[in-house]
Amino acid sequence: MSYETAVARMYALGHELANAPAHKFDLEHMRVLLGALNHPERRFPGVLIAGTNGKGSTAATLASILRTSGLPTGLYTSPHLVRINERIRINGAEISDDDFALLHDVVDRTAERLVEERELPWHPSFFEMLTAIAFEYFAQKKIEIAVLEVGMGGRLDATNVIEPRVSVITDIALDHQKFLGDTVTEIAREKAGIIRPGGVVVTLPQLPQANDVIGNTILELGAQGVNAVPYVPPVSPASDRYLERAEGLIARYPLQVMGKQILVESALVGRHQLRNIALAIATAEVLSHQGFAITPEAIERGIRETRWPGRFQVMPAKRGEPEYVFDVAHNPAGAWALRSALSACYEDRPLTFVFGAMRDKAIGEIAEILFPLAGRVIATRADNPRSATPDEIREAAARTASDIEDAADMPSALDRARSLAGPEGVVVITGSIYIVGEAMRALGVRV
């Protein structure tokens, strides 16, 4: 099977959350599939990271630290910006087209056989298939550790079949209420489903409702809670002094780690990223106590070398073009984080927004947080069946009284934004990861 055919067959299973049936979320089916593959998930140790916001940044940072420590490291994240291969990496390199096609064929044939033999009631979902491909790839390549980002929730997520060396819970907020519950407490219960009896969980203080759930789960399961607070630098009122301009923006600050002072230098900008970096550092320290050879120097270098595209990623102005900022802010908590970063970095410069979101997101609330910062907002849609139309965005954002224009697609949205911003302005492309990915592809930004 060719790579193109493999990808087409994956997408034929449907977008991950478009009309997803409840039976998608059943770990027993995932265990049956993995059992038929000789349990690849048991052939490497892993770290499991759940949360509403920041889990991808935390995973990318931790994986970079492990890689610079000399450990062959797998990284599994979702969704992708441009190509499906981005989700499965070893030592920073995406799975090759040939390997993806080969492993898809193996997993797909196995799934079809299980359905024919009635060991599975239906074909695995897109995410279950991709997770199985990642596990098989990591096992075959004999990695020494994997960093796995939970796709959604935690308790019933396909990644939650592993027995993690460490569970990590990033900031929890309202998102995916259709699947996870209508309150922070209900959502936190799903995220806390990655904590194991007697296991280790790394987290930070956050919303009281989430703190209560995480704390009670740790007590009930006899787990060990590790607080990453010692690795969060003071952020107010002097947080701006941590930002420096080089090629884009850099966060830079000293930190005591494992008995030594290191200099944290990160392209992940914003107060929220200080928390994600702290979680990665605390997790690396836990792993060092478990026998993985991780030093403060490797932590420093790993943070510096972390690349996580589309998260307050700055493309400097050149050749008469405006400056571009790409940021995935697909829920209200993410929108507040972006607003804080924009206020710190671009207080005196005019902003033009290109915005698009999935129909099931809190578009009105996101708009009320972000749109007042912009001189002009261009509403557009991604090539995705879940994507809200410009008219739906305008209607949801009616209370903002913002000047909103429509653009049928990303190329036309970028043309209009370029014209409005001019070479002195800043174009902020935000909302859905699909919107950000299409913009990066159109502008030739390397992921």
Protein backbone atom coordinates (compact mmCIF):
# COMPACT_ATOMS: atom_id res chain seq x y z
CA MET A 1 0.00 0.00 0.00
CA SER A 2 1.33 3.45 -0.91
CA TYR A 3 1.67 6.25 1.64
CA GLU A 4 -1.02 8.27 -0.13
CA THR A 5 -3.43 5.33 -0.01
CA ALA A 6 -2.67 4.73 3.67
CA VAL A 7 -3.39 8.36 4.57
CA ALA A 8 -6.56 8.35 2.46
CA ARG A 9 -7.78 5.20 4.24
CA MET A 10 -7.08 6.81 7.60
CA TYR A 11 -9.09 9.91 6.73
CA ALA A 12 -11.89 7.75 5.35
CA LEU A 13 -12.45 6.65 8.96
CA GLY A 14 -13.68 10.20 9.59
CA HIS A 15 -12.35 13.22 11.44
CA GLU A 16 -11.63 12.42 15.04
CA LEU A 17 -14.49 14.29 16.70
CA ALA A 18 -16.98 14.75 13.85
CA ASN A 19 -20.10 12.84 14.88
CA ALA A 20 -17.92 10.51 16.95
CA PRO A 21 -20.03 7.66 18.36
CA ALA A 22 -19.74 6.78 22.02
CA HIS A 23 -18.25 3.38 21.13
CA LYS A 24 -15.10 5.14 19.92
CA PHE A 25 -14.07 5.51 23.54
CA ASP A 26 -13.62 1.93 24.75
CA LEU A 27 -10.22 0.82 26.00
CA GLU A 28 -11.12 -2.86 25.81
CA HIS A 29 -11.29 -2.62 22.02
CA MET A 30 -7.89 -0.93 21.98
CA ARG A 31 -6.46 -3.73 24.15
CA VAL A 32 -7.82 -6.37 21.77
CA LEU A 33 -6.15 -4.66 18.81
CA LEU A 34 -2.84 -4.29 20.63
CA GLY A 35 -3.00 -7.87 21.86
CA ALA A 36 -3.23 -9.06 18.28
CA LEU A 37 -0.11 -6.99 17.55
CA ASN A 38 1.76 -8.70 20.43
CA HIS A 39 1.32 -5.71 22.74
CA PRO A 40 3.81 -3.17 21.39
CA GLU A 41 2.77 -0.76 24.17
CA ARG A 42 4.47 -3.04 26.71
CA ARG A 43 7.83 -2.99 24.96
CA PHE A 44 8.94 0.51 26.00
CA PRO A 45 8.50 2.71 29.06
CA GLY A 46 6.41 5.82 28.66
CA VAL A 47 5.25 9.11 30.13
CA LEU A 48 1.57 9.95 29.71
CA ILE A 49 0.52 13.62 29.58
CA ALA A 50 -3.11 14.77 29.92
CA GLY A 51 -4.68 18.20 30.34
CA THR A 52 -6.75 20.78 28.50
CA ASN A 53 -4.01 23.20 27.50
CA GLY A 54 -0.24 22.86 27.40
CA LYS A 55 0.08 19.09 27.11
CA GLY A 56 1.63 19.29 23.65
CA SER A 57 4.17 21.93 24.71
CA THR A 58 5.01 19.94 27.84
CA ALA A 59 5.41 16.75 25.81
CA ALA A 60 7.62 18.40 23.20
CA THR A 61 9.84 19.95 25.89
CA LEU A 62 10.19 16.71 27.84
CA ALA A 63 10.95 14.72 24.68
CA SER A 64 13.66 17.21 23.74
CA ILE A 65 15.21 16.91 27.21
CA LEU A 66 15.22 13.11 26.96
CA ARG A 67 16.68 13.20 23.46
CA THR A 68 19.52 15.52 24.50
CA SER A 69 20.17 13.12 27.39
CA GLY A 70 21.12 10.53 24.79
CA LEU A 71 17.94 8.48 25.12
CA PRO A 72 16.26 7.33 21.87
CA THR A 73 12.91 9.02 22.48
CA GLY A 74 9.50 8.61 20.88
CA LEU A 75 7.01 11.46 20.84
CA TYR A 76 3.32 10.99 20.06
CA THR A 77 1.13 14.10 19.79
CA SER A 78 -2.12 15.25 18.22
CA PRO A 79 -3.51 16.76 16.13
CA HIS A 80 -1.07 17.71 13.37
CA LEU A 81 -0.52 21.07 11.68
CA VAL A 82 0.28 20.02 8.11
CA ARG A 83 1.07 16.29 7.75
CA ILE A 84 -0.13 13.28 9.71
CA ASN A 85 3.51 12.14 10.13
CA GLU A 86 4.11 15.03 12.58
CA ARG A 87 2.26 13.08 15.24
CA ILE A 88 4.79 10.24 15.44
CA ARG A 89 8.46 11.15 15.96
CA ILE A 90 11.67 9.58 17.19
CA ASN A 91 14.43 11.93 18.31
CA GLY A 92 12.58 14.79 16.64
CA ALA A 93 12.31 13.13 13.22
CA GLU A 94 8.87 12.35 11.81
CA ILE A 95 7.97 8.80 10.86
CA SER A 96 8.86 8.30 7.20
CA ASP A 97 6.19 7.89 4.54
CA ASP A 98 7.36 4.31 3.86
CA ASP A 99 7.26 3.32 7.54
CA PHE A 100 3.84 4.90 7.97
CA ALA A 101 2.44 3.05 4.95
CA LEU A 102 3.94 -0.27 6.06
CA LEU A 103 2.71 -0.03 9.63
CA HIS A 104 -0.71 1.21 8.57
CA ASP A 105 -1.01 -1.89 6.42
CA VAL A 106 -0.05 -4.15 9.33
CA VAL A 107 -2.47 -2.51 11.78
CA ASP A 108 -5.29 -2.18 9.25
CA ARG A 109 -5.10 -5.83 8.16
CA THR A 110 -5.01 -6.88 11.81
CA ALA A 111 -8.08 -4.78 12.57
CA GLU A 112 -9.99 -6.16 9.60
CA ARG A 113 -9.20 -9.72 10.66
CA LEU A 114 -10.39 -9.00 14.20
CA VAL A 115 -13.66 -7.63 12.88
CA GLU A 116 -14.14 -10.65 10.57
CA GLU A 117 -13.48 -13.00 13.49
CA ARG A 118 -15.87 -10.97 15.68
CA GLU A 119 -13.20 -10.18 18.23
CA LEU A 120 -13.90 -6.52 17.50
CA PRO A 121 -17.45 -5.26 16.84
CA TRP A 122 -16.28 -2.57 14.39
CA HIS A 123 -13.17 -1.16 12.79
CA PRO A 124 -10.99 0.94 15.12
CA SER A 125 -11.31 4.72 14.87
CA PHE A 126 -8.83 7.13 13.29
CA PHE A 127 -7.20 7.86 16.65
CA GLU A 128 -7.11 4.22 17.75
CA MET A 129 -5.46 3.25 14.47
CA LEU A 130 -2.90 6.04 14.71
CA THR A 131 -2.10 5.22 18.34
CA ALA A 132 -1.54 1.57 17.45
CA ILE A 133 0.72 2.60 14.55
CA ALA A 134 2.74 4.80 16.92
CA PHE A 135 3.10 2.03 19.51
CA GLU A 136 4.18 -0.48 16.86
CA TYR A 137 6.69 2.00 15.39
CA PHE A 138 8.21 2.80 18.77
CA ALA A 139 8.46 -0.90 19.68
CA GLN A 140 10.08 -1.85 16.37
CA LYS A 141 12.61 0.97 16.60
CA LYS A 142 13.49 -0.08 20.17
CA ILE A 143 13.23 3.36 21.71
CA GLU A 144 14.24 3.74 25.35
CA ILE A 145 11.27 5.91 26.35
CA ALA A 146 8.14 7.45 24.81
CA VAL A 147 6.36 10.69 25.63
CA LEU A 148 2.66 10.30 24.84
CA GLU A 149 0.18 13.15 24.67
CA VAL A 150 -3.37 12.11 25.50
CA GLY A 151 -5.69 12.88 22.60
CA MET A 152 -8.73 13.87 24.66
CA GLY A 153 -9.72 13.34 28.27
CA GLY A 154 -7.57 10.58 29.71
CA ARG A 155 -9.57 7.83 31.36
CA LEU A 156 -10.89 6.39 28.08
CA ASP A 157 -8.30 7.78 25.69
CA ALA A 158 -6.60 5.21 23.45
CA THR A 159 -3.17 6.15 24.87
CA ASN A 160 -4.26 5.17 28.39
CA VAL A 161 -3.56 1.48 27.82
CA ILE A 162 0.10 1.92 28.76
CA GLU A 163 1.45 1.70 32.29
CA PRO A 164 3.25 5.06 32.55
CA ARG A 165 6.45 5.59 34.49
CA VAL A 166 5.08 9.08 35.20
CA SER A 167 1.65 10.65 34.65
CA VAL A 168 1.58 14.39 34.01
CA ILE A 169 -1.49 16.62 34.24
CA THR A 170 -1.29 20.09 32.73
CA ASP A 171 -3.79 22.92 33.20
CA ILE A 172 -7.45 21.87 33.06
CA ALA A 173 -10.26 24.06 31.74
CA LEU A 174 -13.55 23.74 29.89
CA ASP A 175 -13.22 22.08 26.48
CA HIS A 176 -14.80 19.11 24.69
CA GLN A 177 -17.77 19.30 27.06
CA LYS A 178 -19.81 17.11 24.71
CA PHE A 179 -17.50 14.21 25.50
CA LEU A 180 -15.94 15.00 28.88
CA GLY A 181 -18.60 16.78 30.96
CA ASP A 182 -19.96 20.25 31.53
CA THR A 183 -17.88 21.28 34.55
CA VAL A 184 -14.19 21.51 35.40
CA THR A 185 -14.78 18.87 38.08
CA GLU A 186 -16.18 16.38 35.56
CA ILE A 187 -13.41 17.10 33.05
CA ALA A 188 -10.74 16.79 35.75
CA ARG A 189 -12.07 13.32 36.65
CA GLU A 190 -11.47 12.24 33.05
CA LYS A 191 -7.94 13.71 33.03
CA ALA A 192 -7.12 12.11 36.40
CA GLY A 193 -7.90 8.74 34.83
CA ILE A 194 -4.24 8.50 33.77
CA ILE A 195 -3.08 8.29 37.41
CA ARG A 196 -2.11 4.76 38.46
CA PRO A 197 -2.29 3.09 41.89
CA GLY A 198 1.05 3.72 43.55
CA GLY A 199 2.23 5.69 40.53
CA VAL A 200 3.83 9.11 40.22
CA VAL A 201 1.89 12.15 39.00
CA VAL A 202 3.45 15.53 38.22
CA THR A 203 1.21 18.58 38.22
CA LEU A 204 0.83 22.22 39.29
CA PRO A 205 -1.80 24.00 41.41
CA GLN A 206 -4.61 25.25 39.19
CA LEU A 207 -8.38 25.76 39.41
CA PRO A 208 -9.69 24.67 42.84
CA GLN A 209 -12.14 22.18 41.33
CA ALA A 210 -9.32 20.49 39.38
CA ASN A 211 -7.02 20.56 42.42
CA ASP A 212 -9.65 18.77 44.50
CA VAL A 213 -10.14 16.00 41.95
CA ILE A 214 -6.43 15.46 41.33
CA GLY A 215 -5.58 15.57 45.03
CA ASN A 216 -8.35 13.15 46.01
CA THR A 217 -7.41 10.75 43.20
CA ILE A 218 -3.78 10.74 44.37
CA LEU A 219 -4.91 9.93 47.92
CA GLU A 220 -7.40 7.24 46.84
CA LEU A 221 -4.83 5.48 44.65
CA GLY A 222 -1.88 5.88 47.00
CA ALA A 223 0.01 7.70 44.26
CA GLN A 224 2.94 10.06 44.75
CA GLY A 225 2.18 13.66 43.82
CA VAL A 226 5.07 15.82 42.57
CA ASN A 227 4.55 19.58 42.54
CA ALA A 228 6.38 21.43 39.74
CA VAL A 229 6.07 24.83 41.47
CA PRO A 230 9.82 25.05 42.32
CA TYR A 231 10.52 25.27 38.59
CA VAL A 232 8.08 28.12 37.83
CA PRO A 233 9.89 31.48 37.93
CA PRO A 234 8.13 34.56 39.36
CA VAL A 235 5.99 35.99 36.57
CA SER A 236 4.46 39.15 38.01
CA PRO A 237 4.97 42.04 37.86
CA ALA A 238 8.35 41.56 36.15
CA SER A 239 7.42 38.83 33.66
CA ASP A 240 8.26 41.00 30.64
CA ARG A 241 11.94 41.01 31.59
CA TYR A 242 12.09 37.34 30.67
CA LEU A 243 11.27 38.15 27.03
CA GLU A 244 14.02 38.99 24.57
CA ARG A 245 13.99 39.47 20.82
CA ALA A 246 16.34 37.38 18.76
CA GLU A 247 14.93 35.47 15.79
CA GLY A 248 11.41 36.03 17.05
CA LEU A 249 10.93 36.00 20.83
CA ILE A 250 12.86 34.10 23.48
CA ALA A 251 12.03 33.51 27.14
CA ARG A 252 15.23 33.54 29.22
CA TYR A 253 15.62 33.11 33.00
CA PRO A 254 17.90 31.35 35.53
CA LEU A 255 16.63 28.36 37.50
CA GLN A 256 17.92 25.95 40.14
CA VAL A 257 17.54 22.38 38.86
CA MET A 258 18.86 19.24 40.56
CA GLY A 259 21.31 21.24 42.66
CA LYS A 260 22.69 23.35 39.80
CA GLN A 261 21.77 26.67 38.26
CA ILE A 262 20.79 26.47 34.60
CA LEU A 263 19.75 29.15 32.14
CA VAL A 264 16.34 28.44 30.65
CA GLU A 265 16.12 29.70 27.07
CA SER A 266 12.92 28.83 25.28
CA ALA A 267 11.14 29.81 22.09
CA LEU A 268 7.89 28.88 23.85
CA VAL A 269 6.71 32.34 24.88
CA GLY A 270 4.00 33.35 27.36
CA ARG A 271 3.36 32.99 31.06
CA HIS A 272 1.47 29.76 30.45
CA GLN A 273 4.58 28.25 28.83
CA LEU A 274 6.57 28.86 32.02
CA ARG A 275 4.21 26.36 33.66
CA ASN A 276 4.57 23.83 30.86
CA ILE A 277 8.37 24.04 30.98
CA ALA A 278 8.23 23.56 34.77
CA LEU A 279 6.17 20.40 34.34
CA ALA A 280 8.69 19.03 31.84
CA ILE A 281 11.61 19.78 34.19
CA ALA A 282 9.90 18.18 37.19
CA THR A 283 9.07 15.08 35.12
CA ALA A 284 12.66 14.83 33.89
CA GLU A 285 13.86 14.96 37.50
CA VAL A 286 11.46 12.15 38.48
CA LEU A 287 12.75 10.05 35.59
CA SER A 288 16.34 10.69 36.69
CA HIS A 289 15.44 9.22 40.08
CA GLN A 290 14.06 6.18 38.25
CA GLY A 291 17.42 5.50 36.63
CA PHE A 292 17.30 7.47 33.39
CA ALA A 293 20.57 9.35 32.82
CA ILE A 294 19.35 12.96 32.84
CA THR A 295 21.54 15.87 33.96
CA PRO A 296 20.85 19.56 34.56
CA GLU A 297 22.98 20.33 31.50
CA ALA A 298 20.77 18.07 29.35
CA ILE A 299 17.66 19.76 30.74
CA GLU A 300 19.08 23.19 29.84
CA ARG A 301 20.00 22.11 26.33
CA GLY A 302 16.77 20.19 25.80
CA ILE A 303 14.65 23.22 26.65
CA ARG A 304 16.74 25.42 24.36
CA GLU A 305 16.35 22.98 21.46
CA THR A 306 12.60 22.44 21.88
CA ARG A 307 10.55 23.27 18.82
CA TRP A 308 6.77 23.16 19.02
CA PRO A 309 5.30 24.94 15.98
CA GLY A 310 2.13 26.99 16.06
CA ARG A 311 2.37 28.02 19.71
CA PHE A 312 3.04 31.75 19.74
CA GLN A 313 5.41 31.16 16.86
CA VAL A 314 6.68 34.41 15.38
CA MET A 315 7.58 34.84 11.71
CA PRO A 316 9.54 38.13 11.55
CA ALA A 317 8.61 40.76 8.98
CA LYS A 318 10.57 40.69 5.73
CA ARG A 319 10.38 42.06 2.17
CA GLY A 320 7.46 44.37 2.82
CA GLU A 321 5.46 41.66 4.60
CA PRO A 322 3.93 42.13 8.06
CA GLU A 323 5.11 40.14 11.06
CA TYR A 324 3.08 36.96 11.59
CA VAL A 325 2.19 35.26 14.86
CA PHE A 326 0.79 31.71 14.79
CA ASP A 327 -0.98 30.46 17.88
CA VAL A 328 -3.44 27.66 18.54
CA ALA A 329 -6.01 29.22 20.87
CA HIS A 330 -8.98 26.90 20.45
CA ASN A 331 -10.68 27.37 23.82
CA PRO A 332 -11.18 30.26 26.29
CA ALA A 333 -8.20 29.32 28.48
CA GLY A 334 -5.96 29.26 25.40
CA ALA A 335 -7.41 32.61 24.30
CA TRP A 336 -6.54 34.21 27.64
CA ALA A 337 -2.99 32.85 27.36
CA LEU A 338 -2.66 34.31 23.86
CA ARG A 339 -4.11 37.64 24.96
CA SER A 340 -1.59 37.85 27.80
CA ALA A 341 1.32 37.08 25.46
CA LEU A 342 0.16 39.57 22.83
CA SER A 343 -0.26 42.30 25.45
CA ALA A 344 3.28 41.69 26.70
CA CYS A 345 4.91 41.53 23.27
CA TYR A 346 2.90 43.85 21.01
CA GLU A 347 1.40 46.46 23.29
CA ASP A 348 2.05 49.36 20.88
CA ARG A 349 1.62 47.68 17.50
CA PRO A 350 -1.59 47.31 15.46
CA LEU A 351 -2.91 43.75 15.23
CA THR A 352 -4.93 42.13 12.46
CA PHE A 353 -6.48 38.77 13.28
CA VAL A 354 -7.15 35.86 10.98
CA PHE A 355 -9.49 33.61 12.95
CA GLY A 356 -11.23 30.31 12.39
CA ALA A 357 -12.56 27.66 14.75
CA MET A 358 -14.38 24.39 14.91
CA ARG A 359 -18.15 24.68 15.21
CA ASP A 360 -18.25 22.90 18.58
CA LYS A 361 -15.91 25.37 20.29
CA ALA A 362 -16.85 28.31 22.54
CA ILE A 363 -16.44 30.79 19.66
CA GLY A 364 -18.34 33.63 21.30
CA GLU A 365 -16.29 33.49 24.50
CA ILE A 366 -13.01 33.21 22.59
CA ALA A 367 -14.00 36.20 20.46
CA GLU A 368 -14.85 38.31 23.50
CA ILE A 369 -11.39 37.61 24.91
CA LEU A 370 -9.33 38.16 21.75
CA PHE A 371 -11.14 40.34 19.24
CA PRO A 372 -10.96 43.60 21.25
CA LEU A 373 -7.17 43.51 20.76
CA ALA A 374 -7.49 43.65 16.97
CA GLY A 375 -8.00 46.58 14.66
CA ARG A 376 -9.62 44.21 12.19
CA VAL A 377 -10.68 40.55 12.31
CA ILE A 378 -10.88 38.34 9.23
CA ALA A 379 -13.10 35.31 9.83
CA THR A 380 -12.40 32.28 7.68
CA ARG A 381 -12.77 28.52 7.74
CA ALA A 382 -10.50 25.51 7.48
CA ASP A 383 -10.93 22.63 5.06
CA ASN A 384 -12.61 20.50 7.72
CA PRO A 385 -16.24 19.42 8.09
CA ARG A 386 -16.27 20.60 11.72
CA SER A 387 -15.16 24.11 10.79
CA ALA A 388 -17.48 27.01 11.55
CA THR A 389 -18.34 29.27 8.61
CA PRO A 390 -17.39 32.96 8.63
CA ASP A 391 -21.09 33.78 9.08
CA GLU A 392 -21.28 31.51 12.14
CA ILE A 393 -18.19 33.18 13.60
CA ARG A 394 -19.64 36.63 12.98
CA GLU A 395 -22.91 35.65 14.65
CA ALA A 396 -21.13 34.13 17.66
CA ALA A 397 -18.94 37.22 18.02
CA ALA A 398 -21.78 39.75 17.66
CA ARG A 399 -21.38 41.02 21.24
CA THR A 400 -17.80 42.11 20.63
CA ALA A 401 -18.75 44.93 18.22
CA SER A 402 -15.50 44.13 16.40
CA ASP A 403 -14.94 44.97 12.75
CA ILE A 404 -15.17 41.48 11.20
CA GLU A 405 -14.62 40.67 7.53
CA ASP A 406 -15.30 37.36 5.82
CA ALA A 407 -12.85 35.32 3.76
CA ALA A 408 -13.88 32.11 2.04
CA ASP A 409 -10.57 30.34 2.60
CA MET A 410 -7.09 30.77 4.01
CA PRO A 411 -5.35 32.14 0.88
CA SER A 412 -7.91 34.94 0.53
CA ALA A 413 -7.80 35.61 4.29
CA LEU A 414 -4.02 35.99 4.18
CA ASP A 415 -4.17 38.29 1.14
CA ARG A 416 -6.63 40.57 2.92
CA ALA A 417 -4.69 40.49 6.20
CA ARG A 418 -1.46 41.37 4.39
CA SER A 419 -3.14 44.34 2.77
CA LEU A 420 -4.71 45.59 6.00
CA ALA A 421 -1.63 45.16 8.21
CA GLY A 422 1.03 46.55 5.89
CA PRO A 423 4.74 46.06 6.57
CA GLU A 424 4.55 47.71 10.02
CA GLY A 425 1.66 45.64 11.31
CA VAL A 426 1.28 42.23 12.93
CA VAL A 427 -1.01 39.51 11.62
CA VAL A 428 -2.14 37.06 14.31
CA ILE A 429 -3.41 33.74 12.92
CA THR A 430 -5.29 31.87 15.59
CA GLY A 431 -8.13 29.58 16.59
CA SER A 432 -8.17 25.99 15.40
CA ILE A 433 -4.95 24.08 14.82
CA TYR A 434 -6.29 23.40 11.32
CA ILE A 435 -6.46 27.15 10.65
CA VAL A 436 -2.92 27.66 11.89
CA GLY A 437 -1.68 24.68 9.88
CA GLU A 438 -3.27 25.89 6.64
CA ALA A 439 -1.75 29.36 7.15
CA MET A 440 1.70 27.93 7.79
CA ARG A 441 1.44 25.79 4.67
CA ALA A 442 0.30 28.77 2.58
CA LEU A 443 3.14 30.96 3.88
CA GLY A 444 5.77 28.25 3.43
CA VAL A 445 6.55 27.97 7.14
CA ARG A 446 8.48 24.80 7.92
CA VAL A 447 6.90 22.61 10.58
